[in-house]
Amino acid sequence: MGEVPSVNHKRVVRALERRDFKIVRQGKHITMTDGHHIVVIPRNNPIKRKTLLNILDGAGLTVEEFKELL
């Protein structure tokens, strides 16, 4: 597993949209789904690495797959 990049929440949202995730709710957090997975993204800049790992795990992505989507 590669090193987790430090990224802003907007880049995470764009990367997940490239994987066919859609925004279903927004507020202090952004909730996204692809129909099978549901992820909640905090509006933090940057997103903490542990939080990002949990988001990727919930989305069914590896760190390498996520880096390719950035």
N, C-alpha and C. Protein backbone atom coordinates (compact mmCIF):
# COMPACT_ATOMS: atom_id res chain seq x y z
N MET A 1 0.85 -1.17 0.00
CA MET A 1 0.00 0.00 0.00
C MET A 1 0.89 1.23 0.00
N GLY A 2 0.59 2.17 -0.91
CA GLY A 2 1.39 3.37 -1.02
C GLY A 2 1.05 4.37 0.07
N GLU A 3 1.82 5.44 0.08
CA GLU A 3 1.58 6.49 1.07
C GLU A 3 0.33 7.28 0.70
N VAL A 4 -0.43 7.63 1.70
CA VAL A 4 -1.68 8.36 1.48
C VAL A 4 -1.36 9.82 1.23
N PRO A 5 -1.86 10.38 0.11
CA PRO A 5 -1.59 11.80 -0.16
C PRO A 5 -2.41 12.70 0.75
N SER A 6 -1.93 13.89 0.96
CA SER A 6 -2.65 14.90 1.74
C SER A 6 -3.44 15.74 0.73
N VAL A 7 -4.76 15.66 0.78
CA VAL A 7 -5.58 16.35 -0.22
C VAL A 7 -6.73 17.11 0.42
N ASN A 8 -7.25 18.04 -0.32
CA ASN A 8 -8.38 18.86 0.10
C ASN A 8 -9.67 18.14 -0.27
N HIS A 9 -10.76 18.44 0.41
CA HIS A 9 -12.01 17.69 0.22
C HIS A 9 -12.56 17.81 -1.20
N LYS A 10 -12.32 18.92 -1.87
CA LYS A 10 -12.83 19.10 -3.24
C LYS A 10 -12.17 18.13 -4.20
N ARG A 11 -10.88 17.86 -3.99
CA ARG A 11 -10.17 16.90 -4.86
C ARG A 11 -10.69 15.48 -4.62
N VAL A 12 -11.04 15.17 -3.38
CA VAL A 12 -11.59 13.85 -3.07
C VAL A 12 -12.94 13.69 -3.77
N VAL A 13 -13.78 14.71 -3.70
CA VAL A 13 -15.09 14.66 -4.36
C VAL A 13 -14.93 14.47 -5.86
N ARG A 14 -14.03 15.24 -6.49
CA ARG A 14 -13.81 15.11 -7.94
C ARG A 14 -13.31 13.73 -8.31
N ALA A 15 -12.39 13.18 -7.50
CA ALA A 15 -11.85 11.85 -7.77
C ALA A 15 -12.95 10.79 -7.69
N LEU A 16 -13.81 10.90 -6.68
CA LEU A 16 -14.89 9.93 -6.54
C LEU A 16 -15.93 10.09 -7.65
N GLU A 17 -16.15 11.32 -8.11
CA GLU A 17 -17.07 11.53 -9.23
C GLU A 17 -16.56 10.84 -10.48
N ARG A 18 -15.26 10.76 -10.65
CA ARG A 18 -14.67 10.04 -11.79
C ARG A 18 -14.95 8.54 -11.69
N ARG A 19 -15.25 8.07 -10.50
CA ARG A 19 -15.59 6.67 -10.24
C ARG A 19 -17.10 6.48 -10.15
N ASP A 20 -17.86 7.41 -10.70
CA ASP A 20 -19.33 7.36 -10.76
C ASP A 20 -20.04 7.52 -9.42
N PHE A 21 -19.39 8.15 -8.45
CA PHE A 21 -20.07 8.51 -7.21
C PHE A 21 -20.82 9.81 -7.44
N LYS A 22 -21.98 9.93 -6.84
CA LYS A 22 -22.80 11.14 -6.95
C LYS A 22 -23.02 11.72 -5.56
N ILE A 23 -23.10 13.04 -5.49
CA ILE A 23 -23.39 13.72 -4.23
C ILE A 23 -24.88 13.56 -3.94
N VAL A 24 -25.19 13.06 -2.75
CA VAL A 24 -26.60 12.90 -2.37
C VAL A 24 -27.01 13.86 -1.27
N ARG A 25 -26.03 14.40 -0.53
CA ARG A 25 -26.35 15.34 0.56
C ARG A 25 -25.11 16.20 0.83
N GLN A 26 -25.35 17.46 1.18
CA GLN A 26 -24.26 18.37 1.53
C GLN A 26 -24.62 19.17 2.76
N GLY A 27 -23.63 19.47 3.54
CA GLY A 27 -23.76 20.27 4.75
C GLY A 27 -22.34 20.46 5.26
N LYS A 28 -22.12 20.18 6.53
CA LYS A 28 -20.76 20.21 7.05
C LYS A 28 -19.95 19.06 6.48
N HIS A 29 -20.64 18.02 6.01
CA HIS A 29 -20.02 16.88 5.37
C HIS A 29 -20.71 16.67 4.02
N ILE A 30 -20.03 15.98 3.12
CA ILE A 30 -20.59 15.66 1.82
C ILE A 30 -20.81 14.15 1.79
N THR A 31 -22.03 13.73 1.51
CA THR A 31 -22.34 12.31 1.42
C THR A 31 -22.43 11.95 -0.06
N MET A 32 -21.71 10.89 -0.44
CA MET A 32 -21.69 10.44 -1.83
C MET A 32 -21.99 8.95 -1.90
N THR A 33 -22.57 8.53 -3.03
CA THR A 33 -22.84 7.11 -3.23
C THR A 33 -22.66 6.75 -4.70
N ASP A 34 -22.36 5.48 -4.93
CA ASP A 34 -22.32 4.94 -6.29
C ASP A 34 -23.41 3.89 -6.47
N GLY A 35 -24.32 3.80 -5.50
CA GLY A 35 -25.38 2.81 -5.54
C GLY A 35 -25.08 1.59 -4.68
N HIS A 36 -23.79 1.35 -4.41
CA HIS A 36 -23.38 0.22 -3.58
C HIS A 36 -22.66 0.68 -2.32
N HIS A 37 -21.85 1.72 -2.47
CA HIS A 37 -21.06 2.24 -1.35
C HIS A 37 -21.57 3.64 -0.99
N ILE A 38 -21.51 3.96 0.29
CA ILE A 38 -21.85 5.31 0.75
C ILE A 38 -20.64 5.82 1.53
N VAL A 39 -20.17 7.02 1.18
CA VAL A 39 -19.04 7.62 1.90
C VAL A 39 -19.42 9.02 2.36
N VAL A 40 -18.85 9.41 3.47
CA VAL A 40 -19.08 10.74 4.04
C VAL A 40 -17.74 11.45 4.10
N ILE A 41 -17.67 12.61 3.45
CA ILE A 41 -16.42 13.36 3.33
C ILE A 41 -16.54 14.65 4.13
N PRO A 42 -15.67 14.85 5.12
CA PRO A 42 -15.71 16.10 5.87
C PRO A 42 -15.15 17.25 5.02
N ARG A 43 -15.64 18.44 5.26
CA ARG A 43 -15.13 19.60 4.53
C ARG A 43 -13.90 20.16 5.24
N ASN A 44 -12.85 19.34 5.30
CA ASN A 44 -11.59 19.74 5.93
C ASN A 44 -10.54 19.92 4.85
N ASN A 45 -9.63 20.83 5.09
CA ASN A 45 -8.53 21.05 4.16
C ASN A 45 -7.24 21.15 4.94
N PRO A 46 -6.36 20.19 4.81
CA PRO A 46 -6.53 18.92 4.10
C PRO A 46 -7.27 17.91 4.96
N ILE A 47 -7.76 16.86 4.31
CA ILE A 47 -8.41 15.76 5.04
C ILE A 47 -7.32 14.96 5.73
N LYS A 48 -7.53 14.60 6.98
CA LYS A 48 -6.55 13.82 7.72
C LYS A 48 -6.34 12.47 7.03
N ARG A 49 -5.11 11.98 7.09
CA ARG A 49 -4.77 10.73 6.38
C ARG A 49 -5.60 9.54 6.84
N LYS A 50 -5.81 9.42 8.14
CA LYS A 50 -6.61 8.29 8.65
C LYS A 50 -8.05 8.40 8.15
N THR A 51 -8.58 9.60 8.13
CA THR A 51 -9.93 9.82 7.61
C THR A 51 -10.01 9.45 6.13
N LEU A 52 -9.00 9.87 5.37
CA LEU A 52 -8.97 9.56 3.94
C LEU A 52 -8.89 8.05 3.72
N LEU A 53 -8.11 7.35 4.53
CA LEU A 53 -8.04 5.89 4.41
C LEU A 53 -9.41 5.26 4.66
N ASN A 54 -10.15 5.78 5.64
CA ASN A 54 -11.48 5.27 5.92
C ASN A 54 -12.45 5.54 4.77
N ILE A 55 -12.32 6.72 4.14
CA ILE A 55 -13.16 7.06 2.99
C ILE A 55 -12.86 6.11 1.83
N LEU A 56 -11.58 5.89 1.56
CA LEU A 56 -11.19 5.00 0.46
C LEU A 56 -11.66 3.58 0.72
N ASP A 57 -11.54 3.13 1.96
CA ASP A 57 -11.99 1.80 2.32
C ASP A 57 -13.51 1.67 2.10
N GLY A 58 -14.24 2.68 2.51
CA GLY A 58 -15.69 2.69 2.32
C GLY A 58 -16.10 2.75 0.86
N ALA A 59 -15.26 3.35 0.03
CA ALA A 59 -15.54 3.46 -1.40
C ALA A 59 -15.05 2.25 -2.19
N GLY A 60 -14.31 1.36 -1.51
CA GLY A 60 -13.78 0.18 -2.19
C GLY A 60 -12.60 0.49 -3.07
N LEU A 61 -11.81 1.51 -2.72
CA LEU A 61 -10.65 1.91 -3.50
C LEU A 61 -9.36 1.68 -2.73
N THR A 62 -8.29 1.38 -3.46
CA THR A 62 -6.96 1.34 -2.85
C THR A 62 -6.34 2.72 -2.98
N VAL A 63 -5.26 2.94 -2.26
CA VAL A 63 -4.56 4.22 -2.34
C VAL A 63 -4.06 4.45 -3.76
N GLU A 64 -3.55 3.40 -4.40
CA GLU A 64 -3.03 3.52 -5.77
C GLU A 64 -4.14 3.89 -6.75
N GLU A 65 -5.31 3.25 -6.62
CA GLU A 65 -6.44 3.59 -7.49
C GLU A 65 -6.87 5.04 -7.28
N PHE A 66 -6.88 5.48 -6.02
CA PHE A 66 -7.25 6.86 -5.71
C PHE A 66 -6.27 7.84 -6.33
N LYS A 67 -4.98 7.55 -6.22
CA LYS A 67 -3.97 8.46 -6.80
C LYS A 67 -4.15 8.59 -8.29
N GLU A 68 -4.55 7.51 -8.97
CA GLU A 68 -4.78 7.57 -10.41
C GLU A 68 -5.97 8.46 -10.76
N LEU A 69 -6.95 8.53 -9.84
CA LEU A 69 -8.14 9.35 -10.08
C LEU A 69 -7.89 10.84 -9.84
N LEU A 70 -6.82 11.16 -9.08
CA LEU A 70 -6.55 12.58 -8.77
C LEU A 70 -6.13 13.34 -9.97
